[in-house]
Amino acid sequence: MAASLRLGRQGILLGLNLSNINKLLWSTQSIPENARHFFQSPWVSGVVPPLNVQMPALSPTMEEGNIVKWLKKEGEAVATGDALCEIETDKAVVTMESNDDGILAKILVEEGSRNIRLGTLIAVMVEEGQDWTKAEILPQSAPPPTLPTTVATDVFPAAPSPPSPPKTVPMELLRLSPAARHILDTHGVDPKLATPTGPRGLITKEDALNLLKKSPLSKTALPPSPTPALTPAAIAPPPGSRPNIPPLSVPGKPGTPGTFTELPATNVRRVIAQRLTQSKTTIPHAYASVDCDMAAVMKLRKDLAKDQIKVSVNDFIIKAAAVTLKELPDVNVSWSDNGPQALDSIHISIAVATDKGLITPIIRDAGNKGVQEISVNAKALAQKARDGKLLPEEYQGGSFSISNLGMFGISGFSAVINPPQACILAVGSSRAQLSLCEDNQTLRTRQLMTVTLSSDGRLVDDELASRFLEKFRANLEEPHRMALA
């Protein structure tokens, strides 16, 4: 009985203490703040929680994207798989599909917006049945604004502070260079007014000249000397700087010599610049060239044209390269962070010139395709590349590249390797050339074409590159070999 009374008394005291603590806690919080948190909850204020739509990564090398066109309008119903918008990646224009069912509530990034980073919020959706006009749009994180160095405490501008008096140097610590001493003694200026910038407090010649510019005594002591007006071209550059040759350009003044116009860089052009820089700075390029006789290929093309089979010289080149890679699998390799990698399939990348830059669609499994099938695939991929409608699997994963500038009249050139590939074959135009036939010692005309192999010296050495070109020339000069390979 006594124990229960004692426990009951302690419980009452504990309850009183807790109530006092709660009063203190409630007193430290203001009622308006609590009310604000209460009425800001979505289920009370009627705000609809959003479904965020962010800029996706539509290719492995994509870092930014451009909104080309919105295919849905605000308030329209969207189902999973529906096309939301068209996005220009670093390779092509790709249609972005929705991952959720709902209603497109708000478009945050308009059509034509450029250089949108991955993960940026571009639109907001709500679930079906909800009021899309009340979608909650969360503010995007932005870097804090930089504050000015001086903060005005009044609406009126602060008065300029008076100039600080010149720093004086104790006489016992005064150290002057000979040139500074001569200048200050000549003009009668107190050296203690100079600000030393030299080592260990030394007053240099520049310090003395700066003091003369600020000292009123020096201006009266020096007689005014007439100086010709200096034009901008006659002003000497600061010491140690290089002259502007040609002079600095001034944008926005058309017709003025040395001006320029800034052009916006597309995503494709940015990626091309990054890849070329990566290739030339990280891959040791080696080059080897050989002349191929195209007489047999030209004759075979004419024979096929009689049967309404139209193929190009480039189609034979692609087939010859694929067959040669089959015969020399050591060339069908790539370089990764872990070292060389042998590739199982032969996928040939072909360079296609477009308005936005050079695109390299891929003819997959080219070694197991005939020349006519290669021709059909190459034409279809080239047209999709020019239209900007290549799919990611149509330009990713090539093992060997071919760049043909022969149709532009280029006799020969060296191409840049497309990493992580090991080789690229540069093809020039064919030309007629007289040569001596060794069999009967007679002159005959040969249709020669120069090809140059750019190879990664870490993977394909000079001996292996020479063997590749030798077999490639044999396959191209004798097309029936490709059917037997």
Protein backbone atom coordinates (compact mmCIF):
# COMPACT_ATOMS: atom_id res chain seq x y z
CA MET A 1 0.00 0.00 0.00
CA ALA A 2 2.75 2.40 0.95
CA ALA A 3 4.75 1.42 -2.10
CA SER A 4 1.84 2.10 -4.43
CA LEU A 5 1.21 5.49 -2.85
CA ARG A 6 4.88 6.36 -3.20
CA LEU A 7 4.91 5.37 -6.90
CA GLY A 8 1.72 7.31 -7.55
CA ARG A 9 3.23 10.42 -5.99
CA GLN A 10 6.37 10.08 -8.15
CA GLY A 11 4.26 9.61 -11.26
CA ILE A 12 2.32 12.79 -10.57
CA LEU A 13 5.54 14.76 -10.08
CA LEU A 14 7.01 13.30 -13.28
CA GLY A 15 3.89 14.27 -15.22
CA LEU A 16 4.07 17.82 -13.91
CA ASN A 17 7.72 18.09 -14.91
CA LEU A 18 7.00 16.81 -18.44
CA SER A 19 4.15 19.27 -18.83
CA ASN A 20 6.47 22.12 -17.88
CA ILE A 21 9.02 20.96 -20.43
CA ASN A 22 6.34 20.85 -23.14
CA LYS A 23 5.30 24.39 -22.26
CA LEU A 24 8.87 25.54 -22.66
CA LEU A 25 9.18 23.79 -26.04
CA TRP A 26 5.95 25.32 -27.32
CA SER A 27 7.00 28.74 -26.13
CA THR A 28 10.21 28.60 -28.17
CA GLN A 29 8.26 28.03 -31.41
CA SER A 30 6.13 30.75 -32.88
CA ILE A 31 2.54 29.96 -33.77
CA PRO A 32 2.72 31.47 -37.30
CA GLU A 33 5.60 29.14 -38.17
CA ASN A 34 3.67 26.07 -37.01
CA ALA A 35 0.62 27.23 -38.93
CA ARG A 36 2.73 27.75 -42.03
CA HIS A 37 4.06 24.19 -41.90
CA PHE A 38 0.52 22.90 -41.39
CA PHE A 39 -1.09 24.69 -44.30
CA GLN A 40 1.80 24.02 -46.67
CA SER A 41 1.27 20.27 -46.68
CA PRO A 42 0.07 19.14 -50.16
CA TRP A 43 -3.01 17.24 -48.95
CA VAL A 44 -4.29 20.35 -47.12
CA SER A 45 -3.55 23.07 -49.73
CA GLY A 46 -4.66 20.98 -52.72
CA VAL A 47 -1.20 20.95 -54.38
CA VAL A 48 -0.71 17.84 -56.52
CA PRO A 49 2.60 15.98 -56.13
CA PRO A 50 4.45 15.97 -59.48
CA LEU A 51 6.06 13.31 -61.66
CA ASN A 52 9.34 14.88 -62.75
CA VAL A 53 10.57 14.53 -66.34
CA GLN A 54 14.32 15.03 -66.58
CA MET A 55 16.76 15.29 -69.46
CA PRO A 56 17.78 11.65 -70.11
CA ALA A 57 21.07 10.20 -71.37
CA LEU A 58 20.15 8.95 -74.83
CA SER A 59 23.70 7.96 -75.80
CA PRO A 60 26.82 6.89 -73.84
CA THR A 61 28.75 10.04 -74.78
CA MET A 62 25.87 12.48 -74.30
CA GLU A 63 26.43 15.23 -71.73
CA GLU A 64 23.97 17.85 -72.99
CA GLY A 65 20.88 17.88 -75.16
CA ASN A 66 18.74 20.28 -77.17
CA ILE A 67 14.93 20.32 -77.12
CA VAL A 68 13.93 20.26 -80.80
CA LYS A 69 10.15 19.88 -80.53
CA TRP A 70 7.53 19.00 -77.93
CA LEU A 71 5.12 16.35 -79.23
CA LYS A 72 2.67 16.73 -76.32
CA LYS A 73 0.94 19.85 -75.01
CA GLU A 74 0.19 20.88 -71.45
CA GLY A 75 -2.97 19.15 -70.23
CA GLU A 76 -2.71 16.22 -72.67
CA ALA A 77 -2.92 12.66 -71.39
CA VAL A 78 0.29 10.65 -71.70
CA ALA A 79 0.64 6.87 -71.64
CA THR A 80 3.76 4.83 -71.04
CA GLY A 81 5.73 4.69 -74.29
CA ASP A 82 4.17 7.80 -75.82
CA ALA A 83 6.54 10.23 -77.51
CA LEU A 84 7.00 13.34 -75.37
CA CYS A 85 9.54 15.37 -77.32
CA GLU A 86 12.40 15.24 -79.81
CA ILE A 87 15.87 15.69 -78.32
CA GLU A 88 19.04 16.41 -80.29
CA THR A 89 21.86 14.35 -78.81
CA ASP A 90 25.53 14.33 -79.75
CA LYS A 91 24.74 11.96 -82.64
CA ALA A 92 21.16 12.35 -83.84
CA VAL A 93 17.66 13.59 -83.06
CA VAL A 94 16.02 10.98 -80.81
CA THR A 95 12.41 10.78 -79.68
CA MET A 96 12.05 10.71 -75.89
CA GLU A 97 9.32 8.38 -74.64
CA SER A 98 7.36 8.64 -71.39
CA ASN A 99 8.05 6.19 -68.57
CA ASP A 100 4.77 6.89 -66.72
CA ASP A 101 1.06 7.25 -67.31
CA GLY A 102 -0.42 10.62 -66.48
CA ILE A 103 -1.03 14.15 -67.71
CA LEU A 104 1.61 16.60 -68.93
CA ALA A 105 1.12 19.47 -66.47
CA LYS A 106 3.91 21.96 -67.23
CA ILE A 107 6.67 22.29 -69.82
CA LEU A 108 9.63 23.90 -68.10
CA VAL A 109 12.08 23.96 -71.03
CA GLU A 110 10.70 25.36 -74.26
CA GLU A 111 11.40 24.23 -77.81
CA GLY A 112 14.71 25.39 -79.20
CA SER A 113 16.46 25.39 -75.82
CA ARG A 114 20.09 24.34 -76.17
CA ASN A 115 22.84 22.82 -74.02
CA ILE A 116 20.56 21.34 -71.34
CA ARG A 117 22.59 19.25 -68.90
CA LEU A 118 21.64 15.68 -68.09
CA GLY A 119 19.23 15.39 -65.17
CA THR A 120 17.77 18.87 -65.66
CA LEU A 121 14.02 19.07 -64.98
CA ILE A 122 12.37 19.75 -68.35
CA ALA A 123 8.71 19.01 -67.61
CA VAL A 124 6.26 17.98 -64.88
CA MET A 125 3.50 15.38 -65.06
CA VAL A 126 0.71 14.38 -62.66
CA GLU A 127 -1.07 11.09 -62.22
CA GLU A 128 -4.31 10.34 -64.02
CA GLY A 129 -7.42 11.80 -62.39
CA GLN A 130 -5.55 14.64 -60.67
CA ASP A 131 -5.89 18.35 -61.42
CA TRP A 132 -2.86 19.10 -63.60
CA THR A 133 -3.24 22.86 -63.08
CA LYS A 134 -2.30 22.42 -59.40
CA ALA A 135 0.91 20.48 -59.98
CA GLU A 136 3.61 21.36 -57.49
CA ILE A 137 6.78 22.54 -59.25
CA LEU A 138 9.78 22.24 -56.97
CA PRO A 139 12.48 24.88 -57.48
CA GLN A 140 15.61 23.55 -59.12
CA SER A 141 18.85 23.79 -57.24
CA ALA A 142 20.93 26.70 -58.46
CA PRO A 143 24.32 27.97 -57.36
CA PRO A 144 24.08 30.66 -54.70
CA PRO A 145 24.31 34.17 -56.12
CA THR A 146 27.60 35.87 -55.67
CA LEU A 147 27.33 38.79 -53.29
CA PRO A 148 29.03 42.08 -54.10
CA THR A 149 32.12 42.93 -52.17
CA THR A 150 30.40 45.93 -50.57
CA VAL A 151 26.81 45.74 -49.33
CA ALA A 152 24.91 49.03 -49.22
CA THR A 153 23.02 49.60 -45.97
CA ASP A 154 21.10 52.50 -47.42
CA VAL A 155 19.18 53.17 -50.60
CA PHE A 156 21.62 55.95 -51.42
CA PRO A 157 25.07 55.10 -52.75
CA ALA A 158 27.81 55.29 -50.18
CA ALA A 159 30.20 58.16 -50.42
CA PRO A 160 33.63 57.25 -51.75
CA SER A 161 36.11 56.62 -49.01
CA PRO A 162 38.97 59.09 -48.81
CA PRO A 163 42.28 57.85 -50.21
CA SER A 164 44.48 56.28 -47.62
CA PRO A 165 47.64 58.20 -46.80
CA PRO A 166 50.83 56.87 -48.32
CA LYS A 167 52.52 54.21 -46.30
CA THR A 168 55.68 55.46 -44.69
CA VAL A 169 58.71 53.35 -44.11
CA PRO A 170 60.97 53.82 -41.07
CA MET A 171 64.28 55.41 -41.97
CA GLU A 172 66.32 52.66 -40.38
CA LEU A 173 64.57 50.05 -42.59
CA LEU A 174 64.79 52.07 -45.79
CA ARG A 175 66.52 50.22 -48.65
CA LEU A 176 66.73 51.69 -52.18
CA SER A 177 68.07 50.35 -55.41
CA PRO A 178 70.61 52.62 -57.18
CA ALA A 179 68.15 53.51 -59.92
CA ALA A 180 65.37 54.34 -57.43
CA ARG A 181 67.75 56.48 -55.34
CA HIS A 182 68.86 58.45 -58.43
CA ILE A 183 65.27 59.10 -59.56
CA LEU A 184 64.03 60.24 -56.15
CA ASP A 185 67.09 62.42 -55.47
CA THR A 186 66.80 64.05 -58.89
CA HIS A 187 63.18 65.10 -58.33
CA GLY A 188 63.50 65.85 -54.66
CA VAL A 189 60.92 63.34 -53.46
CA ASP A 190 61.07 61.88 -49.97
CA PRO A 191 61.90 58.14 -50.33
CA LYS A 192 59.97 57.36 -47.14
CA LEU A 193 56.74 57.93 -49.09
CA ALA A 194 57.47 55.07 -51.49
CA THR A 195 55.86 51.66 -51.11
CA PRO A 196 58.55 48.98 -51.45
CA THR A 197 57.72 45.93 -53.54
CA GLY A 198 61.18 44.45 -53.92
CA PRO A 199 62.70 41.62 -51.91
CA ARG A 200 63.19 42.33 -48.18
CA GLY A 201 61.56 45.77 -48.42
CA LEU A 202 63.70 47.08 -51.31
CA ILE A 203 62.39 50.16 -53.14
CA THR A 204 62.79 49.39 -56.82
CA LYS A 205 62.88 51.61 -59.87
CA GLU A 206 59.20 50.85 -60.56
CA ASP A 207 58.30 51.91 -57.03
CA ALA A 208 60.08 55.23 -57.54
CA LEU A 209 58.31 55.84 -60.86
CA ASN A 210 54.93 55.03 -59.32
CA LEU A 211 55.66 57.48 -56.53
CA LEU A 212 56.49 60.19 -59.06
CA LYS A 213 53.10 59.71 -60.72
CA LYS A 214 51.30 60.24 -57.42
CA SER A 215 53.51 62.97 -55.95
CA PRO A 216 52.33 66.57 -56.63
CA LEU A 217 55.90 67.86 -56.18
CA SER A 218 57.19 65.81 -59.04
CA LYS A 219 54.54 67.20 -61.41
CA THR A 220 55.63 70.76 -60.67
CA ALA A 221 59.31 69.92 -60.72
CA LEU A 222 59.18 68.31 -64.11
CA PRO A 223 58.70 70.71 -67.04
CA PRO A 224 55.78 69.75 -69.25
CA SER A 225 57.03 68.15 -72.42
CA PRO A 226 54.79 68.03 -75.46
CA THR A 227 53.91 64.43 -76.31
CA PRO A 228 52.17 63.41 -79.50
CA ALA A 229 48.71 61.88 -79.18
CA LEU A 230 48.99 58.14 -79.11
CA THR A 231 46.65 56.09 -81.21
CA PRO A 232 45.48 52.69 -79.95
CA ALA A 233 47.88 51.01 -82.37
CA ALA A 234 50.79 53.12 -81.07
CA ILE A 235 50.27 52.24 -77.40
CA ALA A 236 53.03 49.87 -76.40
CA PRO A 237 51.89 46.56 -74.87
CA PRO A 238 52.76 45.88 -71.24
CA PRO A 239 56.17 44.38 -70.67
CA GLY A 240 56.30 40.63 -71.13
CA SER A 241 53.12 40.42 -73.24
CA ARG A 242 52.98 39.24 -76.84
CA PRO A 243 51.85 41.65 -79.55
CA ASN A 244 48.37 41.17 -80.99
CA ILE A 245 49.07 40.00 -84.53
CA PRO A 246 46.46 40.07 -85.99
CA PRO A 247 44.87 42.74 -83.78
CA LEU A 248 42.14 41.83 -81.33
CA SER A 249 38.81 41.22 -83.04
CA VAL A 250 35.76 43.18 -81.97
CA PRO A 251 32.47 41.29 -82.33
CA GLY A 252 29.33 43.11 -83.36
CA LYS A 253 30.93 45.50 -85.88
CA PRO A 254 30.45 44.00 -89.34
CA GLY A 255 32.78 45.21 -92.00
CA THR A 256 35.56 46.11 -89.62
CA PRO A 257 38.85 44.34 -90.36
CA GLY A 258 39.59 41.61 -87.88
CA THR A 259 36.01 41.11 -86.68
CA PHE A 260 34.26 37.78 -86.28
CA THR A 261 30.83 36.29 -85.77
CA GLU A 262 30.27 33.74 -83.03
CA LEU A 263 28.56 30.55 -84.22
CA PRO A 264 26.71 28.30 -81.75
CA ALA A 265 28.36 24.87 -81.48
CA THR A 266 25.98 21.95 -81.87
CA ASN A 267 26.20 18.91 -79.62
CA VAL A 268 27.49 16.87 -82.57
CA ARG A 269 30.28 19.39 -83.18
CA ARG A 270 31.23 19.43 -79.49
CA VAL A 271 31.50 15.63 -79.36
CA ILE A 272 33.53 15.58 -82.59
CA ALA A 273 35.95 18.10 -81.07
CA GLN A 274 36.27 16.06 -77.86
CA ARG A 275 36.78 12.77 -79.70
CA LEU A 276 39.36 14.17 -82.12
CA THR A 277 41.30 15.77 -79.28
CA GLN A 278 41.16 12.53 -77.31
CA SER A 279 42.32 10.54 -80.34
CA LYS A 280 45.30 12.71 -81.28
CA THR A 281 46.49 13.19 -77.69
CA THR A 282 46.11 9.63 -76.38
CA ILE A 283 46.58 7.34 -79.41
CA PRO A 284 50.02 6.95 -81.07
CA HIS A 285 49.06 7.10 -84.75
CA ALA A 286 51.06 5.18 -87.36
CA TYR A 287 50.41 5.49 -91.10
CA ALA A 288 50.97 3.19 -94.08
CA SER A 289 49.76 3.59 -97.68
CA VAL A 290 49.37 1.30 -100.68
CA ASP A 291 48.06 1.63 -104.27
CA CYS A 292 45.31 -0.78 -105.37
CA ASP A 293 44.46 -1.62 -108.99
CA MET A 294 40.71 -1.14 -109.37
CA ALA A 295 40.38 -2.56 -112.91
CA ALA A 296 38.75 -5.83 -111.80
CA VAL A 297 36.29 -4.03 -109.51
CA MET A 298 35.32 -1.57 -112.26
CA LYS A 299 34.69 -4.44 -114.71
CA LEU A 300 32.64 -6.38 -112.17
CA ARG A 301 30.51 -3.31 -111.43
CA LYS A 302 29.66 -2.98 -115.13
CA ASP A 303 28.74 -6.65 -115.37
CA LEU A 304 26.48 -6.38 -112.31
CA ALA A 305 24.85 -3.21 -113.67
CA LYS A 306 23.72 -5.21 -116.76
CA ASP A 307 21.75 -7.44 -114.36
CA GLN A 308 20.24 -4.36 -112.62
CA ILE A 309 22.47 -4.83 -109.58
CA LYS A 310 23.81 -1.44 -108.57
CA VAL A 311 26.71 -1.36 -106.15
CA SER A 312 29.36 1.27 -105.55
CA VAL A 313 33.13 1.06 -105.29
CA ASN A 314 32.81 1.87 -101.60
CA ASP A 315 30.68 -1.25 -101.12
CA PHE A 316 33.53 -3.40 -102.49
CA ILE A 317 35.98 -1.57 -100.19
CA ILE A 318 33.80 -2.32 -97.14
CA LYS A 319 33.57 -5.98 -98.13
CA ALA A 320 37.32 -6.23 -98.76
CA ALA A 321 38.08 -4.68 -95.35
CA ALA A 322 35.69 -7.07 -93.59
CA VAL A 323 37.17 -10.12 -95.32
CA THR A 324 40.70 -8.96 -94.48
CA LEU A 325 39.75 -8.58 -90.83
CA LYS A 326 38.49 -12.17 -90.93
CA GLU A 327 41.84 -13.30 -92.27
CA LEU A 328 43.79 -11.18 -89.77
CA PRO A 329 41.81 -11.16 -86.50
CA ASP A 330 44.75 -9.51 -84.72
CA VAL A 331 43.70 -6.23 -86.36
CA ASN A 332 40.09 -6.56 -85.17
CA VAL A 333 40.92 -5.29 -81.67
CA SER A 334 40.24 -2.26 -79.48
CA TRP A 335 41.94 -0.56 -76.55
CA SER A 336 40.30 -0.20 -73.14
CA ASP A 337 41.48 0.93 -69.72
CA ASN A 338 42.53 -2.64 -68.98
CA GLY A 339 44.49 -3.06 -72.23
CA PRO A 340 43.83 -4.77 -75.61
CA GLN A 341 40.52 -6.49 -76.29
CA ALA A 342 39.95 -8.97 -79.13
CA LEU A 343 36.56 -8.41 -80.80
CA ASP A 344 34.36 -11.35 -81.80
CA SER A 345 32.32 -9.58 -84.51
CA ILE A 346 33.30 -7.42 -87.45
CA HIS A 347 31.33 -4.18 -87.46
CA ILE A 348 32.49 -1.63 -90.05
CA SER A 349 31.90 2.08 -89.36
CA ILE A 350 31.49 4.26 -92.44
CA ALA A 351 32.00 8.03 -92.32
CA VAL A 352 29.01 10.04 -93.56
CA ALA A 353 29.21 13.81 -94.01
CA THR A 354 26.13 15.68 -92.75
CA ASP A 355 25.24 19.32 -92.23
CA LYS A 356 25.99 18.98 -88.50
CA GLY A 357 29.28 17.13 -88.85
CA LEU A 358 30.75 13.72 -89.54
CA ILE A 359 28.65 10.74 -88.38
CA THR A 360 29.85 7.11 -88.44
CA PRO A 361 26.94 4.64 -88.75
CA ILE A 362 27.84 0.96 -88.46
CA ILE A 363 27.31 -1.95 -90.85
CA ARG A 364 27.06 -4.83 -88.43
CA ASP A 365 28.49 -8.27 -89.16
CA ALA A 366 29.86 -7.01 -92.49
CA GLY A 367 32.06 -10.08 -92.91
CA ASN A 368 29.02 -12.35 -93.37
CA LYS A 369 27.18 -10.07 -95.80
CA GLY A 370 27.43 -9.89 -99.55
CA VAL A 371 28.31 -6.78 -101.51
CA GLN A 372 24.70 -6.15 -102.52
CA GLU A 373 23.45 -6.44 -98.91
CA ILE A 374 26.24 -4.13 -97.75
CA SER A 375 25.18 -1.62 -100.42
CA VAL A 376 21.55 -1.61 -99.24
CA ASN A 377 22.56 -1.19 -95.58
CA ALA A 378 25.08 1.55 -96.34
CA LYS A 379 22.58 3.63 -98.33
CA ALA A 380 19.88 3.31 -95.66
CA LEU A 381 22.26 4.22 -92.82
CA ALA A 382 23.70 7.19 -94.74
CA GLN A 383 20.21 8.59 -95.34
CA LYS A 384 19.22 8.15 -91.67
CA ALA A 385 22.44 9.87 -90.62
CA ARG A 386 21.70 12.88 -92.82
CA ASP A 387 18.13 13.03 -91.49
CA GLY A 388 19.38 12.78 -87.90
CA LYS A 389 17.33 9.64 -87.19
CA LEU A 390 20.04 7.11 -86.31
CA LEU A 391 19.27 4.82 -83.39
CA PRO A 392 21.96 4.34 -80.70
CA GLU A 393 22.68 0.77 -81.81
CA GLU A 394 23.30 2.02 -85.35
CA TYR A 395 26.32 4.14 -84.42
CA GLN A 396 27.77 2.44 -81.32
CA GLY A 397 30.20 -0.46 -81.16
CA GLY A 398 32.13 -0.31 -84.42
CA SER A 399 35.42 -2.22 -84.66
CA PHE A 400 36.95 -0.71 -87.84
CA SER A 401 36.29 2.55 -89.70
CA ILE A 402 36.43 3.54 -93.37
CA SER A 403 36.52 7.15 -94.58
CA ASN A 404 36.20 7.63 -98.35
CA LEU A 405 36.89 11.06 -99.83
CA GLY A 406 37.50 9.76 -103.34
CA MET A 407 34.14 11.06 -104.57
CA PHE A 408 35.32 14.58 -103.62
CA GLY A 409 38.44 14.32 -105.78
CA ILE A 410 40.89 13.76 -102.89
CA SER A 411 43.74 11.59 -104.13
CA GLY A 412 44.97 10.55 -100.70
CA PHE A 413 44.81 11.56 -97.02
CA SER A 414 45.31 10.29 -93.47
CA ALA A 415 42.31 9.88 -91.19
CA VAL A 416 42.07 10.18 -87.40
CA ILE A 417 41.31 6.98 -85.46
CA ASN A 418 37.91 6.80 -83.81
CA PRO A 419 38.58 5.59 -80.23
CA PRO A 420 38.43 2.91 -78.90
CA GLN A 421 38.97 1.42 -82.37
CA ALA A 422 42.47 0.47 -83.48
CA CYS A 423 42.39 1.39 -87.19
CA ILE A 424 40.75 3.57 -89.81
CA LEU A 425 41.19 3.24 -93.57
CA ALA A 426 41.34 6.47 -95.62
CA VAL A 427 40.34 5.97 -99.27
CA GLY A 428 41.24 8.38 -102.06
CA SER A 429 40.05 8.71 -105.64
CA SER A 430 41.10 6.37 -108.45
CA ARG A 431 43.35 7.66 -111.20
CA ALA A 432 44.62 6.38 -114.54
CA GLN A 433 48.36 5.76 -114.59
CA LEU A 434 50.72 4.24 -117.16
CA SER A 435 52.84 1.38 -115.85
CA LEU A 436 55.20 -1.22 -117.27
CA CYS A 437 53.88 -4.76 -117.55
CA GLU A 438 56.60 -7.11 -116.34
CA ASP A 439 55.37 -10.07 -118.42
CA ASN A 440 55.79 -8.66 -121.93
CA GLN A 441 57.54 -5.38 -121.13
CA THR A 442 54.71 -3.26 -122.53
CA LEU A 443 52.99 -0.18 -121.21
CA ARG A 444 49.43 -0.42 -119.97
CA THR A 445 47.01 1.87 -118.17
CA ARG A 446 46.14 0.97 -114.62
CA GLN A 447 43.30 2.41 -112.53
CA LEU A 448 45.04 3.00 -109.20
CA MET A 449 43.52 4.04 -105.89
CA THR A 450 45.56 5.04 -102.82
CA VAL A 451 44.44 3.84 -99.40
CA THR A 452 46.11 4.86 -96.13
CA LEU A 453 45.75 2.87 -92.92
CA SER A 454 45.95 4.84 -89.67
CA SER A 455 46.66 2.34 -86.89
CA ASP A 456 47.08 2.48 -83.12
CA GLY A 457 50.74 1.69 -82.49
CA ARG A 458 49.88 0.09 -79.14
CA LEU A 459 47.78 -2.60 -80.88
CA VAL A 460 48.80 -2.79 -84.54
CA ASP A 461 52.51 -2.45 -85.23
CA ASP A 462 54.02 -1.60 -88.61
CA GLU A 463 54.53 -5.25 -89.64
CA LEU A 464 50.90 -6.17 -88.91
CA ALA A 465 49.64 -3.05 -90.67
CA SER A 466 51.72 -3.94 -93.76
CA ARG A 467 50.27 -7.46 -93.85
CA PHE A 468 46.76 -6.06 -93.55
CA LEU A 469 47.27 -3.71 -96.51
CA GLU A 470 48.83 -6.50 -98.57
CA LYS A 471 45.84 -8.80 -98.05
CA PHE A 472 43.39 -5.94 -98.52
CA ARG A 473 44.93 -5.07 -101.88
CA ALA A 474 44.81 -8.72 -102.96
CA ASN A 475 41.11 -9.01 -102.04
CA LEU A 476 40.25 -5.79 -103.84
CA GLU A 477 42.26 -6.55 -106.99
CA GLU A 478 40.81 -10.07 -107.18
CA PRO A 479 37.16 -9.76 -106.06
CA HIS A 480 36.52 -13.53 -106.43
CA ARG A 481 38.78 -14.06 -103.39
CA MET A 482 36.19 -12.31 -101.21
CA ALA A 483 33.55 -14.88 -102.19
CA LEU A 484 35.82 -17.70 -101.11
CA ALA A 485 36.84 -16.16 -97.79
